[in-house]
Amino acid sequence: LDGVMIGRAAYHTPCDILLDADARIYADPHGRSAEDVVHLMLPYIAEH
């Protein structure tokens, strides 16, 4: 298959699905931890 679409699992356990997706699906070693993502959300939250 050419692609996979994930719904509820990506919402309820986003880190399990998304944090390793770039490395495993797209061969891009870029990665962040869940804690990194929380900190990166803070400016977005402040602006909101």
ModelCIF file with pLDDT and N, C-alpha, C, O atoms, coordinates in Angstrom:
data_MODEL
#
_entry.id   MODEL 
#
_entity.id                         1 
_entity.type                       polymer 
_entity.pdbx_number_of_molecules   1 
#
_entity_poly.entity_id                      1 
_entity_poly.type                           'polypeptide(L)' 
_entity_poly.nstd_linkage                   no 
_entity_poly.nstd_monomer                   no 
_entity_poly.pdbx_seq_one_letter_code       LDGVMIGRAAYHTPCDILLDADARIYADPHGRSAEDVVHLMLPYIAEH 
_entity_poly.pdbx_seq_one_letter_code_can   LDGVMIGRAAYHTPCDILLDADARIYADPHGRSAEDVVHLMLPYIAEH 
_entity_poly.pdbx_strand_id                 A 
#
loop_
_entity_poly_seq.entity_id 
_entity_poly_seq.num 
_entity_poly_seq.mon_id 
_entity_poly_seq.hetero 
1 1  LEU n 
1 2  ASP n 
1 3  GLY n 
1 4  VAL n 
1 5  MET n 
1 6  ILE n 
1 7  GLY n 
1 8  ARG n 
1 9  ALA n 
1 10 ALA n 
1 11 TYR n 
1 12 HIS n 
1 13 THR n 
1 14 PRO n 
1 15 CYS n 
1 16 ASP n 
1 17 ILE n 
1 18 LEU n 
1 19 LEU n 
1 20 ASP n 
1 21 ALA n 
1 22 ASP n 
1 23 ALA n 
1 24 ARG n 
1 25 ILE n 
1 26 TYR n 
1 27 ALA n 
1 28 ASP n 
1 29 PRO n 
1 30 HIS n 
1 31 GLY n 
1 32 ARG n 
1 33 SER n 
1 34 ALA n 
1 35 GLU n 
1 36 ASP n 
1 37 VAL n 
1 38 VAL n 
1 39 HIS n 
1 40 LEU n 
1 41 MET n 
1 42 LEU n 
1 43 PRO n 
1 44 TYR n 
1 45 ILE n 
1 46 ALA n 
1 47 GLU n 
1 48 HIS n 
#
_struct_asym.id          A 
_struct_asym.entity_id   1 
#
loop_
_ma_qa_metric.id 
_ma_qa_metric.mode 
_ma_qa_metric.name 
_ma_qa_metric.software_group_id 
_ma_qa_metric.type 
1 global pLDDT . pLDDT 
2 local  pLDDT . pLDDT 
#
_ma_qa_metric_global.metric_id      1 
_ma_qa_metric_global.metric_value   96.65 
_ma_qa_metric_global.model_id       1 
_ma_qa_metric_global.ordinal_id     1 
#
loop_
_ma_qa_metric_local.label_asym_id 
_ma_qa_metric_local.label_comp_id 
_ma_qa_metric_local.label_seq_id 
_ma_qa_metric_local.metric_id 
_ma_qa_metric_local.metric_value 
_ma_qa_metric_local.model_id 
_ma_qa_metric_local.ordinal_id 
A LEU 1  2 98.00 1 1  
A ASP 2  2 98.00 1 2  
A GLY 3  2 98.00 1 3  
A VAL 4  2 98.00 1 4  
A MET 5  2 98.00 1 5  
A ILE 6  2 98.00 1 6  
A GLY 7  2 97.00 1 7  
A ARG 8  2 96.00 1 8  
A ALA 9  2 97.00 1 9  
A ALA 10 2 97.00 1 10 
A TYR 11 2 97.00 1 11 
A HIS 12 2 97.00 1 12 
A THR 13 2 97.00 1 13 
A PRO 14 2 98.00 1 14 
A CYS 15 2 97.00 1 15 
A ASP 16 2 96.00 1 16 
A ILE 17 2 97.00 1 17 
A LEU 18 2 98.00 1 18 
A LEU 19 2 97.00 1 19 
A ASP 20 2 96.00 1 20 
A ALA 21 2 97.00 1 21 
A ASP 22 2 97.00 1 22 
A ALA 23 2 97.00 1 23 
A ARG 24 2 97.00 1 24 
A ILE 25 2 97.00 1 25 
A TYR 26 2 97.00 1 26 
A ALA 27 2 96.00 1 27 
A ASP 28 2 95.00 1 28 
A PRO 29 2 90.00 1 29 
A HIS 30 2 83.00 1 30 
A GLY 31 2 86.00 1 31 
A ARG 32 2 95.00 1 32 
A SER 33 2 97.00 1 33 
A ALA 34 2 98.00 1 34 
A GLU 35 2 98.00 1 35 
A ASP 36 2 98.00 1 36 
A VAL 37 2 98.00 1 37 
A VAL 38 2 98.00 1 38 
A HIS 39 2 98.00 1 39 
A LEU 40 2 98.00 1 40 
A MET 41 2 98.00 1 41 
A LEU 42 2 98.00 1 42 
A PRO 43 2 98.00 1 43 
A TYR 44 2 98.00 1 44 
A ILE 45 2 98.00 1 45 
A ALA 46 2 98.00 1 46 
A GLU 47 2 98.00 1 47 
A HIS 48 2 98.00 1 48 
#
loop_
_atom_site.group_PDB 
_atom_site.id 
_atom_site.type_symbol 
_atom_site.label_atom_id 
_atom_site.label_alt_id 
_atom_site.label_comp_id 
_atom_site.label_asym_id 
_atom_site.label_entity_id 
_atom_site.label_seq_id 
_atom_site.pdbx_PDB_ins_code 
_atom_site.Cartn_x 
_atom_site.Cartn_y 
_atom_site.Cartn_z 
_atom_site.occupancy 
_atom_site.B_iso_or_equiv 
_atom_site.pdbx_formal_charge 
_atom_site.auth_seq_id 
_atom_site.auth_comp_id 
_atom_site.auth_asym_id 
_atom_site.auth_atom_id 
_atom_site.pdbx_PDB_model_num 
ATOM 1   N N  . LEU A 1 1  ? 0.842  -1.193 0.000  1.00 98.00 ? 1  LEU A N  1 
ATOM 2   C CA . LEU A 1 1  ? 0.000  0.000  0.000  1.00 98.00 ? 1  LEU A CA 1 
ATOM 3   C C  . LEU A 1 1  ? 0.880  1.247  0.000  1.00 98.00 ? 1  LEU A C  1 
ATOM 4   O O  . LEU A 1 1  ? 2.027  1.215  0.445  1.00 98.00 ? 1  LEU A O  1 
ATOM 5   N N  . ASP A 1 2  ? 0.324  2.338  -0.504 1.00 98.00 ? 2  ASP A N  1 
ATOM 6   C CA . ASP A 1 2  ? 1.083  3.576  -0.639 1.00 98.00 ? 2  ASP A CA 1 
ATOM 7   C C  . ASP A 1 2  ? 1.047  4.417  0.624  1.00 98.00 ? 2  ASP A C  1 
ATOM 8   O O  . ASP A 1 2  ? 1.944  5.225  0.863  1.00 98.00 ? 2  ASP A O  1 
ATOM 9   N N  . GLY A 1 3  ? 0.009  4.231  1.434  1.00 98.00 ? 3  GLY A N  1 
ATOM 10  C CA . GLY A 1 3  ? -0.127 5.056  2.615  1.00 98.00 ? 3  GLY A CA 1 
ATOM 11  C C  . GLY A 1 3  ? -0.993 4.398  3.664  1.00 98.00 ? 3  GLY A C  1 
ATOM 12  O O  . GLY A 1 3  ? -1.703 3.427  3.402  1.00 98.00 ? 3  GLY A O  1 
ATOM 13  N N  . VAL A 1 4  ? -0.913 4.956  4.863  1.00 98.00 ? 4  VAL A N  1 
ATOM 14  C CA . VAL A 1 4  ? -1.712 4.507  5.998  1.00 98.00 ? 4  VAL A CA 1 
ATOM 15  C C  . VAL A 1 4  ? -2.289 5.749  6.663  1.00 98.00 ? 4  VAL A C  1 
ATOM 16  O O  . VAL A 1 4  ? -1.578 6.725  6.902  1.00 98.00 ? 4  VAL A O  1 
ATOM 17  N N  . MET A 1 5  ? -3.589 5.701  6.961  1.00 98.00 ? 5  MET A N  1 
ATOM 18  C CA . MET A 1 5  ? -4.247 6.793  7.672  1.00 98.00 ? 5  MET A CA 1 
ATOM 19  C C  . MET A 1 5  ? -4.656 6.284  9.051  1.00 98.00 ? 5  MET A C  1 
ATOM 20  O O  . MET A 1 5  ? -5.344 5.270  9.168  1.00 98.00 ? 5  MET A O  1 
ATOM 21  N N  . ILE A 1 6  ? -4.231 6.990  10.084 1.00 98.00 ? 6  ILE A N  1 
ATOM 22  C CA . ILE A 1 6  ? -4.523 6.606  11.459 1.00 98.00 ? 6  ILE A CA 1 
ATOM 23  C C  . ILE A 1 6  ? -5.393 7.673  12.100 1.00 98.00 ? 6  ILE A C  1 
ATOM 24  O O  . ILE A 1 6  ? -5.133 8.867  11.952 1.00 98.00 ? 6  ILE A O  1 
ATOM 25  N N  . GLY A 1 7  ? -6.428 7.240  12.814 1.00 97.00 ? 7  GLY A N  1 
ATOM 26  C CA . GLY A 1 7  ? -7.348 8.181  13.441 1.00 97.00 ? 7  GLY A CA 1 
ATOM 27  C C  . GLY A 1 7  ? -7.212 8.209  14.947 1.00 97.00 ? 7  GLY A C  1 
ATOM 28  O O  . GLY A 1 7  ? -6.364 8.921  15.485 1.00 97.00 ? 7  GLY A O  1 
ATOM 29  N N  . ARG A 1 8  ? -8.045 7.436  15.633 1.00 96.00 ? 8  ARG A N  1 
ATOM 30  C CA . ARG A 1 8  ? -8.153 7.559  17.089 1.00 96.00 ? 8  ARG A CA 1 
ATOM 31  C C  . ARG A 1 8  ? -6.842 7.282  17.822 1.00 96.00 ? 8  ARG A C  1 
ATOM 32  O O  . ARG A 1 8  ? -6.550 7.941  18.820 1.00 96.00 ? 8  ARG A O  1 
ATOM 33  N N  . ALA A 1 9  ? -6.055 6.332  17.354 1.00 97.00 ? 9  ALA A N  1 
ATOM 34  C CA . ALA A 1 9  ? -4.791 6.043  18.045 1.00 97.00 ? 9  ALA A CA 1 
ATOM 35  C C  . ALA A 1 9  ? -3.858 7.245  17.999 1.00 97.00 ? 9  ALA A C  1 
ATOM 36  O O  . ALA A 1 9  ? -3.151 7.523  18.968 1.00 97.00 ? 9  ALA A O  1 
ATOM 37  N N  . ALA A 1 10 ? -3.854 7.961  16.874 1.00 97.00 ? 10 ALA A N  1 
ATOM 38  C CA . ALA A 1 10 ? -2.999 9.140  16.753 1.00 97.00 ? 10 ALA A CA 1 
ATOM 39  C C  . ALA A 1 10 ? -3.482 10.266 17.654 1.00 97.00 ? 10 ALA A C  1 
ATOM 40  O O  . ALA A 1 10 ? -2.698 11.127 18.054 1.00 97.00 ? 10 ALA A O  1 
ATOM 41  N N  . TYR A 1 11 ? -4.761 10.260 17.971 1.00 97.00 ? 11 TYR A N  1 
ATOM 42  C CA . TYR A 1 11 ? -5.305 11.289 18.856 1.00 97.00 ? 11 TYR A CA 1 
ATOM 43  C C  . TYR A 1 11 ? -5.080 10.927 20.319 1.00 97.00 ? 11 TYR A C  1 
ATOM 44  O O  . TYR A 1 11 ? -4.606 11.756 21.095 1.00 97.00 ? 11 TYR A O  1 
ATOM 45  N N  . HIS A 1 12 ? -5.414 9.706  20.700 1.00 97.00 ? 12 HIS A N  1 
ATOM 46  C CA . HIS A 1 12 ? -5.376 9.321  22.110 1.00 97.00 ? 12 HIS A CA 1 
ATOM 47  C C  . HIS A 1 12 ? -3.970 9.004  22.599 1.00 97.00 ? 12 HIS A C  1 
ATOM 48  O O  . HIS A 1 12 ? -3.673 9.202  23.777 1.00 97.00 ? 12 HIS A O  1 
ATOM 49  N N  . THR A 1 13 ? -3.103 8.519  21.724 1.00 97.00 ? 13 THR A N  1 
ATOM 50  C CA . THR A 1 13 ? -1.704 8.243  22.088 1.00 97.00 ? 13 THR A CA 1 
ATOM 51  C C  . THR A 1 13 ? -0.787 8.852  21.032 1.00 97.00 ? 13 THR A C  1 
ATOM 52  O O  . THR A 1 13 ? -0.062 8.128  20.350 1.00 97.00 ? 13 THR A O  1 
ATOM 53  N N  . PRO A 1 14 ? -0.814 10.178 20.890 1.00 98.00 ? 14 PRO A N  1 
ATOM 54  C CA . PRO A 1 14 ? -0.111 10.815 19.768 1.00 98.00 ? 14 PRO A CA 1 
ATOM 55  C C  . PRO A 1 14 ? 1.390  10.561 19.759 1.00 98.00 ? 14 PRO A C  1 
ATOM 56  O O  . PRO A 1 14 ? 1.989  10.412 18.694 1.00 98.00 ? 14 PRO A O  1 
ATOM 57  N N  . CYS A 1 15 ? 1.997  10.513 20.935 1.00 97.00 ? 15 CYS A N  1 
ATOM 58  C CA . CYS A 1 15 ? 3.453  10.323 20.952 1.00 97.00 ? 15 CYS A CA 1 
ATOM 59  C C  . CYS A 1 15 ? 3.846  8.945  20.440 1.00 97.00 ? 15 CYS A C  1 
ATOM 60  O O  . CYS A 1 15 ? 4.874  8.797  19.779 1.00 97.00 ? 15 CYS A O  1 
ATOM 61  N N  . ASP A 1 16 ? 3.034  7.936  20.742 1.00 96.00 ? 16 ASP A N  1 
ATOM 62  C CA . ASP A 1 16 ? 3.336  6.584  20.272 1.00 96.00 ? 16 ASP A CA 1 
ATOM 63  C C  . ASP A 1 16 ? 3.332  6.503  18.754 1.00 96.00 ? 16 ASP A C  1 
ATOM 64  O O  . ASP A 1 16 ? 4.114  5.758  18.163 1.00 96.00 ? 16 ASP A O  1 
ATOM 65  N N  . ILE A 1 17 ? 2.454  7.268  18.127 1.00 97.00 ? 17 ILE A N  1 
ATOM 66  C CA . ILE A 1 17 ? 2.324  7.225  16.666 1.00 97.00 ? 17 ILE A CA 1 
ATOM 67  C C  . ILE A 1 17 ? 3.273  8.199  15.989 1.00 97.00 ? 17 ILE A C  1 
ATOM 68  O O  . ILE A 1 17 ? 3.897  7.856  14.984 1.00 97.00 ? 17 ILE A O  1 
ATOM 69  N N  . LEU A 1 18 ? 3.392  9.408  16.524 1.00 98.00 ? 18 LEU A N  1 
ATOM 70  C CA . LEU A 1 18 ? 3.991  10.498 15.761 1.00 98.00 ? 18 LEU A CA 1 
ATOM 71  C C  . LEU A 1 18 ? 5.459  10.781 16.063 1.00 98.00 ? 18 LEU A C  1 
ATOM 72  O O  . LEU A 1 18 ? 6.184  11.236 15.178 1.00 98.00 ? 18 LEU A O  1 
ATOM 73  N N  . LEU A 1 19 ? 5.914  10.525 17.285 1.00 97.00 ? 19 LEU A N  1 
ATOM 74  C CA . LEU A 1 19 ? 7.278  10.929 17.604 1.00 97.00 ? 19 LEU A CA 1 
ATOM 75  C C  . LEU A 1 19 ? 8.327  10.140 16.818 1.00 97.00 ? 19 LEU A C  1 
ATOM 76  O O  . LEU A 1 19 ? 9.409  10.654 16.536 1.00 97.00 ? 19 LEU A O  1 
ATOM 77  N N  . ASP A 1 20 ? 8.010  8.907  16.469 1.00 96.00 ? 20 ASP A N  1 
ATOM 78  C CA . ASP A 1 20 ? 8.958  8.096  15.684 1.00 96.00 ? 20 ASP A CA 1 
ATOM 79  C C  . ASP A 1 20 ? 8.595  8.019  14.202 1.00 96.00 ? 20 ASP A C  1 
ATOM 80  O O  . ASP A 1 20 ? 9.282  7.352  13.427 1.00 96.00 ? 20 ASP A O  1 
ATOM 81  N N  . ALA A 1 21 ? 7.525  8.694  13.810 1.00 97.00 ? 21 ALA A N  1 
ATOM 82  C CA . ALA A 1 21 ? 7.043  8.555  12.436 1.00 97.00 ? 21 ALA A CA 1 
ATOM 83  C C  . ALA A 1 21 ? 8.050  9.061  11.413 1.00 97.00 ? 21 ALA A C  1 
ATOM 84  O O  . ALA A 1 21 ? 8.246  8.431  10.374 1.00 97.00 ? 21 ALA A O  1 
ATOM 85  N N  . ASP A 1 22 ? 8.686  10.187 11.693 1.00 97.00 ? 22 ASP A N  1 
ATOM 86  C CA . ASP A 1 22 ? 9.606  10.746 10.696 1.00 97.00 ? 22 ASP A CA 1 
ATOM 87  C C  . ASP A 1 22 ? 10.775 9.799  10.431 1.00 97.00 ? 22 ASP A C  1 
ATOM 88  O O  . ASP A 1 22 ? 11.179 9.603  9.285  1.00 97.00 ? 22 ASP A O  1 
ATOM 89  N N  . ALA A 1 23 ? 11.309 9.219  11.495 1.00 97.00 ? 23 ALA A N  1 
ATOM 90  C CA . ALA A 1 23 ? 12.442 8.307  11.333 1.00 97.00 ? 23 ALA A CA 1 
ATOM 91  C C  . ALA A 1 23 ? 12.016 7.005  10.665 1.00 97.00 ? 23 ALA A C  1 
ATOM 92  O O  . ALA A 1 23 ? 12.718 6.508  9.785  1.00 97.00 ? 23 ALA A O  1 
ATOM 93  N N  . ARG A 1 24 ? 10.889 6.453  11.065 1.00 97.00 ? 24 ARG A N  1 
ATOM 94  C CA . ARG A 1 24 ? 10.510 5.122  10.603 1.00 97.00 ? 24 ARG A CA 1 
ATOM 95  C C  . ARG A 1 24 ? 9.807  5.123  9.247  1.00 97.00 ? 24 ARG A C  1 
ATOM 96  O O  . ARG A 1 24 ? 10.009 4.211  8.445  1.00 97.00 ? 24 ARG A O  1 
ATOM 97  N N  . ILE A 1 25 ? 8.992  6.128  8.987  1.00 97.00 ? 25 ILE A N  1 
ATOM 98  C CA . ILE A 1 25 ? 8.200  6.145  7.756  1.00 97.00 ? 25 ILE A CA 1 
ATOM 99  C C  . ILE A 1 25 ? 8.865  6.977  6.666  1.00 97.00 ? 25 ILE A C  1 
ATOM 100 O O  . ILE A 1 25 ? 8.729  6.673  5.481  1.00 97.00 ? 25 ILE A O  1 
ATOM 101 N N  . TYR A 1 26 ? 9.587  8.029  7.062  1.00 97.00 ? 26 TYR A N  1 
ATOM 102 C CA . TYR A 1 26 ? 10.139 8.962  6.075  1.00 97.00 ? 26 TYR A CA 1 
ATOM 103 C C  . TYR A 1 26 ? 11.671 8.999  6.060  1.00 97.00 ? 26 TYR A C  1 
ATOM 104 O O  . TYR A 1 26 ? 12.261 9.806  5.341  1.00 97.00 ? 26 TYR A O  1 
ATOM 105 N N  . ALA A 1 27 ? 12.320 8.132  6.847  1.00 96.00 ? 27 ALA A N  1 
ATOM 106 C CA . ALA A 1 27 ? 13.788 8.072  6.887  1.00 96.00 ? 27 ALA A CA 1 
ATOM 107 C C  . ALA A 1 27 ? 14.406 9.427  7.221  1.00 96.00 ? 27 ALA A C  1 
ATOM 108 O O  . ALA A 1 27 ? 15.461 9.789  6.700  1.00 96.00 ? 27 ALA A O  1 
ATOM 109 N N  . ASP A 1 28 ? 13.730 10.170 8.100  1.00 95.00 ? 28 ASP A N  1 
ATOM 110 C CA . ASP A 1 28 ? 14.225 11.464 8.570  1.00 95.00 ? 28 ASP A CA 1 
ATOM 111 C C  . ASP A 1 28 ? 14.527 11.315 10.059 1.00 95.00 ? 28 ASP A C  1 
ATOM 112 O O  . ASP A 1 28 ? 13.603 11.160 10.857 1.00 95.00 ? 28 ASP A O  1 
ATOM 113 N N  . PRO A 1 29 ? 15.802 11.360 10.447 1.00 90.00 ? 29 PRO A N  1 
ATOM 114 C CA . PRO A 1 29 ? 16.149 11.095 11.838 1.00 90.00 ? 29 PRO A CA 1 
ATOM 115 C C  . PRO A 1 29 ? 15.736 12.189 12.807 1.00 90.00 ? 29 PRO A C  1 
ATOM 116 O O  . PRO A 1 29 ? 15.839 12.009 14.020 1.00 90.00 ? 29 PRO A O  1 
ATOM 117 N N  . HIS A 1 30 ? 15.270 13.315 12.293 1.00 83.00 ? 30 HIS A N  1 
ATOM 118 C CA . HIS A 1 30 ? 14.775 14.381 13.159 1.00 83.00 ? 30 HIS A CA 1 
ATOM 119 C C  . HIS A 1 30 ? 13.792 13.803 14.176 1.00 83.00 ? 30 HIS A C  1 
ATOM 120 O O  . HIS A 1 30 ? 12.930 12.996 13.827 1.00 83.00 ? 30 HIS A O  1 
ATOM 121 N N  . GLY A 1 31 ? 13.926 14.215 15.419 1.00 86.00 ? 31 GLY A N  1 
ATOM 122 C CA . GLY A 1 31 ? 12.984 13.705 16.413 1.00 86.00 ? 31 GLY A CA 1 
ATOM 123 C C  . GLY A 1 31 ? 12.948 14.582 17.650 1.00 86.00 ? 31 GLY A C  1 
ATOM 124 O O  . GLY A 1 31 ? 13.902 15.297 17.958 1.00 86.00 ? 31 GLY A O  1 
ATOM 125 N N  . ARG A 1 32 ? 11.832 14.512 18.347 1.00 95.00 ? 32 ARG A N  1 
ATOM 126 C CA . ARG A 1 32 ? 11.663 15.263 19.588 1.00 95.00 ? 32 ARG A CA 1 
ATOM 127 C C  . ARG A 1 32 ? 11.091 14.339 20.648 1.00 95.00 ? 32 ARG A C  1 
ATOM 128 O O  . ARG A 1 32 ? 10.488 13.312 20.338 1.00 95.00 ? 32 ARG A O  1 
ATOM 129 N N  . SER A 1 33 ? 11.284 14.711 21.876 1.00 97.00 ? 33 SER A N  1 
ATOM 130 C CA . SER A 1 33 ? 10.650 13.987 22.972 1.00 97.00 ? 33 SER A CA 1 
ATOM 131 C C  . SER A 1 33 ? 9.294  14.614 23.271 1.00 97.00 ? 33 SER A C  1 
ATOM 132 O O  . SER A 1 33 ? 8.995  15.725 22.834 1.00 97.00 ? 33 SER A O  1 
ATOM 133 N N  . ALA A 1 34 ? 8.480  13.879 24.026 1.00 98.00 ? 34 ALA A N  1 
ATOM 134 C CA . ALA A 1 34 ? 7.186  14.433 24.424 1.00 98.00 ? 34 ALA A CA 1 
ATOM 135 C C  . ALA A 1 34 ? 7.379  15.701 25.245 1.00 98.00 ? 34 ALA A C  1 
ATOM 136 O O  . ALA A 1 34 ? 6.620  16.660 25.104 1.00 98.00 ? 34 ALA A O  1 
ATOM 137 N N  . GLU A 1 35 ? 8.401  15.704 26.106 1.00 98.00 ? 35 GLU A N  1 
ATOM 138 C CA . GLU A 1 35 ? 8.672  16.898 26.918 1.00 98.00 ? 35 GLU A CA 1 
ATOM 139 C C  . GLU A 1 35 ? 9.056  18.077 26.020 1.00 98.00 ? 35 GLU A C  1 
ATOM 140 O O  . GLU A 1 35 ? 8.632  19.206 26.268 1.00 98.00 ? 35 GLU A O  1 
ATOM 141 N N  . ASP A 1 36 ? 9.854  17.824 24.979 1.00 98.00 ? 36 ASP A N  1 
ATOM 142 C CA . ASP A 1 36 ? 10.193 18.891 24.027 1.00 98.00 ? 36 ASP A CA 1 
ATOM 143 C C  . ASP A 1 36 ? 8.928  19.511 23.436 1.00 98.00 ? 36 ASP A C  1 
ATOM 144 O O  . ASP A 1 36 ? 8.799  20.732 23.342 1.00 98.00 ? 36 ASP A O  1 
ATOM 145 N N  . VAL A 1 37 ? 8.005  18.644 23.044 1.00 98.00 ? 37 VAL A N  1 
ATOM 146 C CA . VAL A 1 37 ? 6.778  19.117 22.397 1.00 98.00 ? 37 VAL A CA 1 
ATOM 147 C C  . VAL A 1 37 ? 5.963  19.979 23.353 1.00 98.00 ? 37 VAL A C  1 
ATOM 148 O O  . VAL A 1 37 ? 5.420  21.008 22.951 1.00 98.00 ? 37 VAL A O  1 
ATOM 149 N N  . VAL A 1 38 ? 5.875  19.571 24.606 1.00 98.00 ? 38 VAL A N  1 
ATOM 150 C CA . VAL A 1 38 ? 5.142  20.380 25.585 1.00 98.00 ? 38 VAL A CA 1 
ATOM 151 C C  . VAL A 1 38 ? 5.744  21.775 25.678 1.00 98.00 ? 38 VAL A C  1 
ATOM 152 O O  . VAL A 1 38 ? 5.018  22.769 25.662 1.00 98.00 ? 38 VAL A O  1 
ATOM 153 N N  . HIS A 1 39 ? 7.058  21.851 25.773 1.00 98.00 ? 39 HIS A N  1 
ATOM 154 C CA . HIS A 1 39 ? 7.703  23.167 25.864 1.00 98.00 ? 39 HIS A CA 1 
ATOM 155 C C  . HIS A 1 39 ? 7.493  23.986 24.592 1.00 98.00 ? 39 HIS A C  1 
ATOM 156 O O  . HIS A 1 39 ? 7.315  25.202 24.662 1.00 98.00 ? 39 HIS A O  1 
ATOM 157 N N  . LEU A 1 40 ? 7.513  23.334 23.438 1.00 98.00 ? 40 LEU A N  1 
ATOM 158 C CA . LEU A 1 40 ? 7.287  24.055 22.182 1.00 98.00 ? 40 LEU A CA 1 
ATOM 159 C C  . LEU A 1 40 ? 5.847  24.540 22.043 1.00 98.00 ? 40 LEU A C  1 
ATOM 160 O O  . LEU A 1 40 ? 5.581  25.480 21.294 1.00 98.00 ? 40 LEU A O  1 
ATOM 161 N N  . MET A 1 41 ? 4.914  23.906 22.759 1.00 98.00 ? 41 MET A N  1 
ATOM 162 C CA . MET A 1 41 ? 3.528  24.347 22.728 1.00 98.00 ? 41 MET A CA 1 
ATOM 163 C C  . MET A 1 41 ? 3.298  25.625 23.530 1.00 98.00 ? 41 MET A C  1 
ATOM 164 O O  . MET A 1 41 ? 2.299  26.312 23.314 1.00 98.00 ? 41 MET A O  1 
ATOM 165 N N  . LEU A 1 42 ? 4.202  25.955 24.450 1.00 98.00 ? 42 LEU A N  1 
ATOM 166 C CA . LEU A 1 42 ? 3.936  27.062 25.370 1.00 98.00 ? 42 LEU A CA 1 
ATOM 167 C C  . LEU A 1 42 ? 3.791  28.418 24.672 1.00 98.00 ? 42 LEU A C  1 
ATOM 168 O O  . LEU A 1 42 ? 2.867  29.157 25.014 1.00 98.00 ? 42 LEU A O  1 
ATOM 169 N N  . PRO A 1 43 ? 4.651  28.790 23.711 1.00 98.00 ? 43 PRO A N  1 
ATOM 170 C CA . PRO A 1 43 ? 4.422  30.066 23.014 1.00 98.00 ? 43 PRO A CA 1 
ATOM 171 C C  . PRO A 1 43 ? 3.107  30.084 22.236 1.00 98.00 ? 43 PRO A C  1 
ATOM 172 O O  . PRO A 1 43 ? 2.428  31.109 22.173 1.00 98.00 ? 43 PRO A O  1 
ATOM 173 N N  . TYR A 1 44 ? 2.758  28.952 21.650 1.00 98.00 ? 44 TYR A N  1 
ATOM 174 C CA . TYR A 1 44 ? 1.483  28.852 20.926 1.00 98.00 ? 44 TYR A CA 1 
ATOM 175 C C  . TYR A 1 44 ? 0.322  29.065 21.884 1.00 98.00 ? 44 TYR A C  1 
ATOM 176 O O  . TYR A 1 44 ? -0.637 29.770 21.567 1.00 98.00 ? 44 TYR A O  1 
ATOM 177 N N  . ILE A 1 45 ? 0.415  28.451 23.057 1.00 98.00 ? 45 ILE A N  1 
ATOM 178 C CA . ILE A 1 45 ? -0.626 28.613 24.072 1.00 98.00 ? 45 ILE A CA 1 
ATOM 179 C C  . ILE A 1 45 ? -0.723 30.075 24.502 1.00 98.00 ? 45 ILE A C  1 
ATOM 180 O O  . ILE A 1 45 ? -1.821 30.622 24.608 1.00 98.00 ? 45 ILE A O  1 
ATOM 181 N N  . ALA A 1 46 ? 0.414  30.701 24.749 1.00 98.00 ? 46 ALA A N  1 
ATOM 182 C CA . ALA A 1 46 ? 0.415  32.094 25.191 1.00 98.00 ? 46 ALA A CA 1 
ATOM 183 C C  . ALA A 1 46 ? -0.243 33.000 24.149 1.00 98.00 ? 46 ALA A C  1 
ATOM 184 O O  . ALA A 1 46 ? -1.008 33.899 24.498 1.00 98.00 ? 46 ALA A O  1 
ATOM 185 N N  . GLU A 1 47 ? 0.057  32.761 22.873 1.00 98.00 ? 47 GLU A N  1 
ATOM 186 C CA . GLU A 1 47 ? -0.546 33.578 21.815 1.00 98.00 ? 47 GLU A CA 1 
ATOM 187 C C  . GLU A 1 47 ? -2.052 33.348 21.739 1.00 98.00 ? 47 GLU A C  1 
ATOM 188 O O  . GLU A 1 47 ? -2.823 34.288 21.546 1.00 98.00 ? 47 GLU A O  1 
ATOM 189 N N  . HIS A 1 48 ? -2.463 32.096 21.891 1.00 98.00 ? 48 HIS A N  1 
ATOM 190 C CA . HIS A 1 48 ? -3.898 31.784 21.869 1.00 98.00 ? 48 HIS A CA 1 
ATOM 191 C C  . HIS A 1 48 ? -4.626 32.498 22.996 1.00 98.00 ? 48 HIS A C  1 
ATOM 192 O O  . HIS A 1 48 ? -5.840 32.354 23.134 1.00 98.00 ? 48 HIS A O  1 
#
